[in-house]
PDB file of N, CA and C in Angstrom:
ATOM      1  N   MET A   1      24.214   5.289  65.859  1.00  0.00           N
ATOM      2  CA  MET A   1      23.829   4.881  67.121  1.00  0.00           C
ATOM      3  C   MET A   1      24.095   3.359  67.534  1.00  0.00           C
ATOM      4  N   PHE A   2      23.776   2.544  66.574  1.00  0.00           N
ATOM      5  CA  PHE A   2      24.116   1.146  66.778  1.00  0.00           C
ATOM      6  C   PHE A   2      25.515   0.848  66.834  1.00  0.00           C
ATOM      7  N   SER A   3      26.342   1.540  66.197  1.00  0.00           N
ATOM      8  CA  SER A   3      27.756   1.407  66.217  1.00  0.00           C
ATOM      9  C   SER A   3      28.337   1.818  67.599  1.00  0.00           C
ATOM     10  N   TYR A   4      27.781   2.896  68.176  1.00  0.00           N
ATOM     11  CA  TYR A   4      28.010   3.245  69.496  1.00  0.00           C
ATOM     12  C   TYR A   4      27.794   2.182  70.457  1.00  0.00           C
ATOM     13  N   LEU A   5      26.666   1.451  70.346  1.00  0.00           N
ATOM     14  CA  LEU A   5      26.288   0.367  71.291  1.00  0.00           C
ATOM     15  C   LEU A   5      27.399  -0.714  71.125  1.00  0.00           C
ATOM     16  N   VAL A   6      27.824  -1.009  69.939  1.00  0.00           N
ATOM     17  CA  VAL A   6      28.906  -2.087  69.817  1.00  0.00           C
ATOM     18  C   VAL A   6      30.102  -1.678  70.489  1.00  0.00           C
ATOM     19  N   LYS A   7      30.419  -0.374  70.197  1.00  0.00           N
ATOM     20  CA  LYS A   7      31.663   0.144  70.857  1.00  0.00           C
ATOM     21  C   LYS A   7      31.600   0.017  72.411  1.00  0.00           C
ATOM     22  N   GLU A   8      30.464   0.216  72.990  1.00  0.00           N
ATOM     23  CA  GLU A   8      30.257   0.109  74.459  1.00  0.00           C
ATOM     24  C   GLU A   8      30.005  -1.248  74.822  1.00  0.00           C
ATOM     25  N   LYS A   9      30.037  -2.143  73.987  1.00  0.00           N
ATOM     26  CA  LYS A   9      29.809  -3.695  74.188  1.00  0.00           C
ATOM     27  C   LYS A   9      28.282  -3.933  74.695  1.00  0.00           C
ATOM     28  N   VAL A  10      27.468  -3.118  74.209  1.00  0.00           N
ATOM     29  CA  VAL A  10      26.011  -3.422  74.349  1.00  0.00           C
ATOM     30  C   VAL A  10      25.395  -4.046  73.148  1.00  0.00           C
ATOM     31  N   TYR A  11      25.517  -5.219  73.133  1.00  0.00           N
ATOM     32  CA  TYR A  11      25.200  -6.030  71.737  1.00  0.00           C
ATOM     33  C   TYR A  11      23.768  -6.387  71.678  1.00  0.00           C
ATOM     34  N   GLY A  12      22.983  -6.369  72.640  1.00  0.00           N
ATOM     35  CA  GLY A  12      21.536  -6.833  72.670  1.00  0.00           C
ATOM     36  C   GLY A  12      20.786  -6.168  71.532  1.00  0.00           C
ATOM     37  N   PRO A  13      20.614  -4.888  71.481  1.00  0.00           N
ATOM     38  CA  PRO A  13      19.869  -4.258  70.351  1.00  0.00           C
ATOM     39  C   PRO A  13      20.316  -4.642  68.985  1.00  0.00           C
ATOM     40  N   VAL A  14      21.653  -4.515  68.809  1.00  0.00           N
ATOM     41  CA  VAL A  14      22.255  -4.927  67.494  1.00  0.00           C
ATOM     42  C   VAL A  14      22.014  -6.342  67.108  1.00  0.00           C
ATOM     43  N   ASP A  15      22.134  -7.278  68.060  1.00  0.00           N
ATOM     44  CA  ASP A  15      21.879  -8.804  67.744  1.00  0.00           C
ATOM     45  C   ASP A  15      20.448  -8.818  67.420  1.00  0.00           C
ATOM     46  N   ARG A  16      19.480  -8.225  68.158  1.00  0.00           N
ATOM     47  CA  ARG A  16      18.037  -8.309  67.868  1.00  0.00           C
ATOM     48  C   ARG A  16      17.790  -7.728  66.417  1.00  0.00           C
ATOM     49  N   LEU A  17      18.413  -6.687  66.044  1.00  0.00           N
ATOM     50  CA  LEU A  17      18.307  -6.048  64.735  1.00  0.00           C
ATOM     51  C   LEU A  17      18.768  -7.050  63.732  1.00  0.00           C
ATOM     52  N   ALA A  18      19.883  -7.697  63.936  1.00  0.00           N
ATOM     53  CA  ALA A  18      20.495  -8.689  62.982  1.00  0.00           C
ATOM     54  C   ALA A  18      19.584  -9.930  62.889  1.00  0.00           C
ATOM     55  N   ARG A  19      18.905 -10.335  63.915  1.00  0.00           N
ATOM     56  CA  ARG A  19      18.005 -11.523  63.843  1.00  0.00           C
ATOM     57  C   ARG A  19      16.541 -11.269  63.598  1.00  0.00           C
ATOM     58  N   SER A  20      16.305 -10.023  63.283  1.00  0.00           N
ATOM     59  CA  SER A  20      14.870  -9.689  63.049  1.00  0.00           C
ATOM     60  C   SER A  20      14.225 -10.603  61.852  1.00  0.00           C
ATOM     61  N   VAL A  21      13.168 -11.014  62.121  1.00  0.00           N
ATOM     62  CA  VAL A  21      12.333 -11.841  61.068  1.00  0.00           C
ATOM     63  C   VAL A  21      11.167 -11.003  60.628  1.00  0.00           C
ATOM     64  N   ASP A  22      10.781  -9.911  61.267  1.00  0.00           N
ATOM     65  CA  ASP A  22       9.662  -9.092  60.830  1.00  0.00           C
ATOM     66  C   ASP A  22       9.852  -7.584  61.329  1.00  0.00           C
ATOM     67  N   PRO A  23       9.014  -6.764  60.731  1.00  0.00           N
ATOM     68  CA  PRO A  23       9.184  -5.368  61.114  1.00  0.00           C
ATOM     69  C   PRO A  23       9.024  -5.120  62.606  1.00  0.00           C
ATOM     70  N   ASP A  24       8.219  -5.820  63.314  1.00  0.00           N
ATOM     71  CA  ASP A  24       8.001  -5.575  64.797  1.00  0.00           C
ATOM     72  C   ASP A  24       9.252  -5.869  65.517  1.00  0.00           C
ATOM     73  N   MET A  25      10.025  -6.875  65.093  1.00  0.00           N
ATOM     74  CA  MET A  25      11.452  -7.048  65.765  1.00  0.00           C
ATOM     75  C   MET A  25      12.306  -5.989  65.602  1.00  0.00           C
ATOM     76  N   VAL A  26      12.248  -5.346  64.319  1.00  0.00           N
ATOM     77  CA  VAL A  26      13.141  -4.242  63.991  1.00  0.00           C
ATOM     78  C   VAL A  26      12.736  -3.141  64.847  1.00  0.00           C
ATOM     79  N   ARG A  27      11.456  -2.807  64.954  1.00  0.00           N
ATOM     80  CA  ARG A  27      10.897  -1.732  65.867  1.00  0.00           C
ATOM     81  C   ARG A  27      11.472  -1.916  67.299  1.00  0.00           C
ATOM     82  N   LEU A  28      11.356  -3.188  67.826  1.00  0.00           N
ATOM     83  CA  LEU A  28      11.741  -3.455  69.203  1.00  0.00           C
ATOM     84  C   LEU A  28      13.139  -3.155  69.440  1.00  0.00           C
ATOM     85  N   ALA A  29      14.071  -3.609  68.459  1.00  0.00           N
ATOM     86  CA  ALA A  29      15.520  -3.322  68.608  1.00  0.00           C
ATOM     87  C   ALA A  29      15.754  -1.869  68.435  1.00  0.00           C
ATOM     88  N   LEU A  30      15.192  -1.146  67.665  1.00  0.00           N
ATOM     89  CA  LEU A  30      15.339   0.314  67.602  1.00  0.00           C
ATOM     90  C   LEU A  30      14.897   0.970  68.910  1.00  0.00           C
ATOM     91  N   TYR A  31      13.732   0.553  69.490  1.00  0.00           N
ATOM     92  CA  TYR A  31      13.165   1.112  70.726  1.00  0.00           C
ATOM     93  C   TYR A  31      14.321   0.843  71.805  1.00  0.00           C
ATOM     94  N   GLU A  32      14.868  -0.316  71.844  1.00  0.00           N
ATOM     95  CA  GLU A  32      15.811  -0.678  73.022  1.00  0.00           C
ATOM     96  C   GLU A  32      17.020   0.229  72.728  1.00  0.00           C
ATOM     97  N   ALA A  33      17.534   0.370  71.660  1.00  0.00           N
ATOM     98  CA  ALA A  33      18.727   1.088  71.254  1.00  0.00           C
ATOM     99  C   ALA A  33      18.517   2.519  71.676  1.00  0.00           C
ATOM    100  N   LEU A  34      17.417   3.209  71.314  1.00  0.00           N
ATOM    101  CA  LEU A  34      17.025   4.464  71.698  1.00  0.00           C
ATOM    102  C   LEU A  34      16.931   4.736  73.200  1.00  0.00           C
ATOM    103  N   ARG A  35      16.291   3.764  73.842  1.00  0.00           N
ATOM    104  CA  ARG A  35      16.257   3.863  75.316  1.00  0.00           C
ATOM    105  C   ARG A  35      17.607   3.844  75.989  1.00  0.00           C
ATOM    106  N   TYR A  36      18.496   2.940  75.438  1.00  0.00           N
ATOM    107  CA  TYR A  36      19.845   2.853  76.118  1.00  0.00           C
ATOM    108  C   TYR A  36      20.550   4.170  75.801  1.00  0.00           C
ATOM    109  N   VAL A  37      20.528   4.743  74.655  1.00  0.00           N
ATOM    110  CA  VAL A  37      21.295   5.919  74.399  1.00  0.00           C
ATOM    111  C   VAL A  37      20.602   7.099  75.008  1.00  0.00           C
ATOM    112  N   LEU A  38      19.386   7.140  75.329  1.00  0.00           N
ATOM    113  CA  LEU A  38      18.696   8.250  76.181  1.00  0.00           C
ATOM    114  C   LEU A  38      19.339   8.223  77.564  1.00  0.00           C
ATOM    115  N   THR A  39      19.493   6.901  78.142  1.00  0.00           N
ATOM    116  CA  THR A  39      20.002   6.741  79.422  1.00  0.00           C
ATOM    117  C   THR A  39      21.449   7.283  79.555  1.00  0.00           C
ATOM    118  N   GLU A  40      22.213   6.938  78.455  1.00  0.00           N
ATOM    119  CA  GLU A  40      23.613   7.442  78.423  1.00  0.00           C
ATOM    120  C   GLU A  40      23.673   8.940  78.433  1.00  0.00           C
ATOM    121  N   GLN A  41      22.751   9.549  77.550  1.00  0.00           N
ATOM    122  CA  GLN A  41      22.713  11.029  77.548  1.00  0.00           C
ATOM    123  C   GLN A  41      22.387  11.640  78.843  1.00  0.00           C
ATOM    124  N   LYS A  42      21.515  11.098  79.570  1.00  0.00           N
ATOM    125  CA  LYS A  42      21.222  11.574  80.958  1.00  0.00           C
ATOM    126  C   LYS A  42      22.372  11.435  81.834  1.00  0.00           C
ATOM    127  N   LYS A  43      23.383  10.626  81.661  1.00  0.00           N
ATOM    128  CA  LYS A  43      24.647  10.499  82.309  1.00  0.00           C
ATOM    129  C   LYS A  43      25.712  11.672  81.796  1.00  0.00           C
ATOM    130  N   GLY A  44      25.248  12.268  80.872  1.00  0.00           N
ATOM    131  CA  GLY A  44      26.230  13.310  80.261  1.00  0.00           C
ATOM    132  C   GLY A  44      27.045  12.849  79.012  1.00  0.00           C
ATOM    133  N   VAL A  45      26.792  11.597  78.587  1.00  0.00           N
ATOM    134  CA  VAL A  45      27.550  11.082  77.387  1.00  0.00           C
ATOM    135  C   VAL A  45      26.845  11.669  76.156  1.00  0.00           C
ATOM    136  N   THR A  46      27.714  12.165  75.213  1.00  0.00           N
ATOM    137  CA  THR A  46      27.215  12.590  74.067  1.00  0.00           C
ATOM    138  C   THR A  46      27.068  11.513  72.990  1.00  0.00           C
ATOM    139  N   VAL A  47      25.905  11.183  72.550  1.00  0.00           N
ATOM    140  CA  VAL A  47      25.771  10.095  71.601  1.00  0.00           C
ATOM    141  C   VAL A  47      24.722  10.691  70.674  1.00  0.00           C
ATOM    142  N   PRO A  48      25.108  10.627  69.312  1.00  0.00           N
ATOM    143  CA  PRO A  48      24.285  11.284  68.320  1.00  0.00           C
ATOM    144  C   PRO A  48      23.051  10.325  68.116  1.00  0.00           C
ATOM    145  N   LEU A  49      21.821  11.021  68.101  1.00  0.00           N
ATOM    146  CA  LEU A  49      20.692  10.287  67.907  1.00  0.00           C
ATOM    147  C   LEU A  49      20.140  10.638  66.454  1.00  0.00           C
ATOM    148  N   PRO A  50      19.502   9.592  65.945  1.00  0.00           N
ATOM    149  CA  PRO A  50      18.894   9.830  64.610  1.00  0.00           C
ATOM    150  C   PRO A  50      17.659  10.723  64.812  1.00  0.00           C
ATOM    151  N   SER A  51      17.386  11.548  63.809  1.00  0.00           N
ATOM    152  CA  SER A  51      16.342  12.361  63.807  1.00  0.00           C
ATOM    153  C   SER A  51      14.949  11.587  63.705  1.00  0.00           C
ATOM    154  N   GLU A  52      13.775  12.145  64.056  1.00  0.00           N
ATOM    155  CA  GLU A  52      12.502  11.494  63.964  1.00  0.00           C
ATOM    156  C   GLU A  52      12.270  11.097  62.430  1.00  0.00           C
ATOM    157  N   SER A  53      12.648  12.028  61.465  1.00  0.00           N
ATOM    158  CA  SER A  53      12.379  11.634  60.181  1.00  0.00           C
ATOM    159  C   SER A  53      13.320  10.501  59.730  1.00  0.00           C
ATOM    160  N   GLU A  54      14.570  10.434  60.200  1.00  0.00           N
ATOM    161  CA  GLU A  54      15.426   9.360  59.793  1.00  0.00           C
ATOM    162  C   GLU A  54      14.934   8.001  60.415  1.00  0.00           C
ATOM    163  N   VAL A  55      14.407   7.919  61.516  1.00  0.00           N
ATOM    164  CA  VAL A  55      13.721   6.819  62.231  1.00  0.00           C
ATOM    165  C   VAL A  55      12.581   6.402  61.351  1.00  0.00           C
ATOM    166  N   GLU A  56      11.672   7.363  60.898  1.00  0.00           N
ATOM    167  CA  GLU A  56      10.639   7.028  60.130  1.00  0.00           C
ATOM    168  C   GLU A  56      11.004   6.449  58.734  1.00  0.00           C
ATOM    169  N   GLU A  57      12.078   7.087  58.192  1.00  0.00           N
ATOM    170  CA  GLU A  57      12.499   6.546  56.825  1.00  0.00           C
ATOM    171  C   GLU A  57      13.083   5.188  56.978  1.00  0.00           C
ATOM    172  N   PHE A  58      13.777   4.880  58.007  1.00  0.00           N
ATOM    173  CA  PHE A  58      14.307   3.507  58.231  1.00  0.00           C
ATOM    174  C   PHE A  58      13.163   2.545  58.368  1.00  0.00           C
ATOM    175  N   LEU A  59      12.156   2.847  59.170  1.00  0.00           N
ATOM    176  CA  LEU A  59      11.076   1.882  59.440  1.00  0.00           C
ATOM    177  C   LEU A  59      10.250   1.636  58.204  1.00  0.00           C
ATOM    178  N   GLU A  60      10.089   2.795  57.459  1.00  0.00           N
ATOM    179  CA  GLU A  60       9.348   2.641  56.144  1.00  0.00           C
ATOM    180  C   GLU A  60      10.120   1.754  55.177  1.00  0.00           C
ATOM    181  N   ALA A  61      11.290   1.953  55.105  1.00  0.00           N
ATOM    182  CA  ALA A  61      12.295   1.132  54.245  1.00  0.00           C
ATOM    183  C   ALA A  61      12.192  -0.408  54.668  1.00  0.00           C
ATOM    184  N   VAL A  62      12.228  -0.639  55.965  1.00  0.00           N
ATOM    185  CA  VAL A  62      12.044  -1.942  56.470  1.00  0.00           C
ATOM    186  C   VAL A  62      10.615  -2.521  56.055  1.00  0.00           C
ATOM    187  N   GLU A  63       9.615  -1.773  56.076  1.00  0.00           N
ATOM    188  CA  GLU A  63       8.213  -2.168  55.714  1.00  0.00           C
ATOM    189  C   GLU A  63       8.195  -2.468  54.230  1.00  0.00           C
ATOM    190  N   LYS A  64       8.891  -1.596  53.467  1.00  0.00           N
ATOM    191  CA  LYS A  64       8.757  -1.779  51.958  1.00  0.00           C
ATOM    192  C   LYS A  64       9.678  -2.783  51.413  1.00  0.00           C
ATOM    193  N   ARG A  65      10.937  -2.756  51.935  1.00  0.00           N
ATOM    194  CA  ARG A  65      11.989  -3.675  51.267  1.00  0.00           C
ATOM    195  C   ARG A  65      12.399  -4.832  52.087  1.00  0.00           C
ATOM    196  N   GLY A  66      11.821  -4.990  53.317  1.00  0.00           N
ATOM    197  CA  GLY A  66      12.056  -6.194  54.122  1.00  0.00           C
ATOM    198  C   GLY A  66      13.113  -5.949  55.191  1.00  0.00           C
ATOM    199  N   VAL A  67      13.142  -6.998  56.098  1.00  0.00           N
ATOM    200  CA  VAL A  67      14.080  -6.932  57.230  1.00  0.00           C
ATOM    201  C   VAL A  67      15.560  -7.024  56.796  1.00  0.00           C
ATOM    202  N   GLY A  68      15.784  -7.427  55.596  1.00  0.00           N
ATOM    203  CA  GLY A  68      17.256  -7.422  55.189  1.00  0.00           C
ATOM    204  C   GLY A  68      17.909  -6.146  55.322  1.00  0.00           C
ATOM    205  N   ILE A  69      17.163  -5.098  55.109  1.00  0.00           N
ATOM    206  CA  ILE A  69      17.926  -3.672  55.213  1.00  0.00           C
ATOM    207  C   ILE A  69      18.294  -3.538  56.722  1.00  0.00           C
ATOM    208  N   ALA A  70      17.533  -4.009  57.737  1.00  0.00           N
ATOM    209  CA  ALA A  70      17.873  -3.847  59.205  1.00  0.00           C
ATOM    210  C   ALA A  70      19.170  -4.791  59.342  1.00  0.00           C
ATOM    211  N   ARG A  71      19.161  -5.965  58.847  1.00  0.00           N
ATOM    212  CA  ARG A  71      20.326  -6.792  59.067  1.00  0.00           C
ATOM    213  C   ARG A  71      21.472  -6.124  58.541  1.00  0.00           C
ATOM    214  N   LYS A  72      21.426  -5.488  57.336  1.00  0.00           N
ATOM    215  CA  LYS A  72      22.604  -4.736  56.723  1.00  0.00           C
ATOM    216  C   LYS A  72      23.055  -3.681  57.754  1.00  0.00           C
ATOM    217  N   VAL A  73      22.177  -2.882  58.333  1.00  0.00           N
ATOM    218  CA  VAL A  73      22.445  -1.914  59.297  1.00  0.00           C
ATOM    219  C   VAL A  73      23.249  -2.508  60.421  1.00  0.00           C
ATOM    220  N   ALA A  74      22.727  -3.672  60.913  1.00  0.00           N
ATOM    221  CA  ALA A  74      23.409  -4.374  62.046  1.00  0.00           C
ATOM    222  C   ALA A  74      24.815  -4.743  61.700  1.00  0.00           C
ATOM    223  N   VAL A  75      25.035  -5.396  60.471  1.00  0.00           N
ATOM    224  CA  VAL A  75      26.370  -5.787  60.172  1.00  0.00           C
ATOM    225  C   VAL A  75      27.296  -4.508  60.100  1.00  0.00           C
ATOM    226  N   VAL A  76      26.862  -3.476  59.346  1.00  0.00           N
ATOM    227  CA  VAL A  76      27.722  -2.374  59.200  1.00  0.00           C
ATOM    228  C   VAL A  76      28.000  -1.734  60.530  1.00  0.00           C
ATOM    229  N   SER A  77      27.015  -1.643  61.403  1.00  0.00           N
ATOM    230  CA  SER A  77      27.214  -1.110  62.712  1.00  0.00           C
ATOM    231  C   SER A  77      28.126  -1.798  63.536  1.00  0.00           C
ATOM    232  N   LEU A  78      28.079  -3.211  63.497  1.00  0.00           N
ATOM    233  CA  LEU A  78      29.019  -4.058  64.149  1.00  0.00           C
ATOM    234  C   LEU A  78      30.466  -3.823  63.705  1.00  0.00           C
ATOM    235  N   ALA A  79      30.641  -3.742  62.305  1.00  0.00           N
ATOM    236  CA  ALA A  79      31.982  -3.474  61.892  1.00  0.00           C
ATOM    237  C   ALA A  79      32.481  -2.158  62.345  1.00  0.00           C
ATOM    238  N   ARG A  80      31.700  -1.222  62.211  1.00  0.00           N
ATOM    239  CA  ARG A  80      32.091   0.178  62.596  1.00  0.00           C
ATOM    240  C   ARG A  80      32.363   0.300  64.062  1.00  0.00           C
ATOM    241  N   GLY A  81      31.488  -0.258  64.834  1.00  0.00           N
ATOM    242  CA  GLY A  81      31.748  -0.218  66.324  1.00  0.00           C
ATOM    243  C   GLY A  81      32.943  -0.987  66.773  1.00  0.00           C
ATOM    244  N   LEU A  82      33.249  -2.160  66.103  1.00  0.00           N
ATOM    245  CA  LEU A  82      34.457  -2.872  66.518  1.00  0.00           C
ATOM    246  C   LEU A  82      35.721  -2.107  66.090  1.00  0.00           C
ATOM    247  N   ARG A  83      35.720  -1.362  65.107  1.00  0.00           N
ATOM    248  CA  ARG A  83      36.804  -0.513  64.685  1.00  0.00           C
ATOM    249  C   ARG A  83      37.059   0.586  65.682  1.00  0.00           C
ATOM    250  N   GLN A  84      35.941   1.168  66.234  1.00  0.00           N
ATOM    251  CA  GLN A  84      36.030   2.210  67.067  1.00  0.00           C
ATOM    252  C   GLN A  84      36.434   1.836  68.466  1.00  0.00           C
ATOM    253  N   GLY A  85      36.062   0.623  68.901  1.00  0.00           N
ATOM    254  CA  GLY A  85      36.325   0.133  70.242  1.00  0.00           C
ATOM    255  C   GLY A  85      37.708  -0.281  70.382  1.00  0.00           C
TER     256      GLY A  85
END
């Protein structure tokens, strides 16, 4: 999902994820990304969404292991999205 945002040049949620200093910032970035993707889907664009359990697992990992995991997701998503774009 985040790599799709990069491909579409919507960097805000990915940047927020990369700059997160606490789990609340990660949740905000994830919320913004989901909202953007839902808007795209309403326009008829097919964008894969993570499942509810995937979102919960990610947020639990951030809580347990720290925001570094969110930063890693942001960097990998940026690299993947740039290659796709």
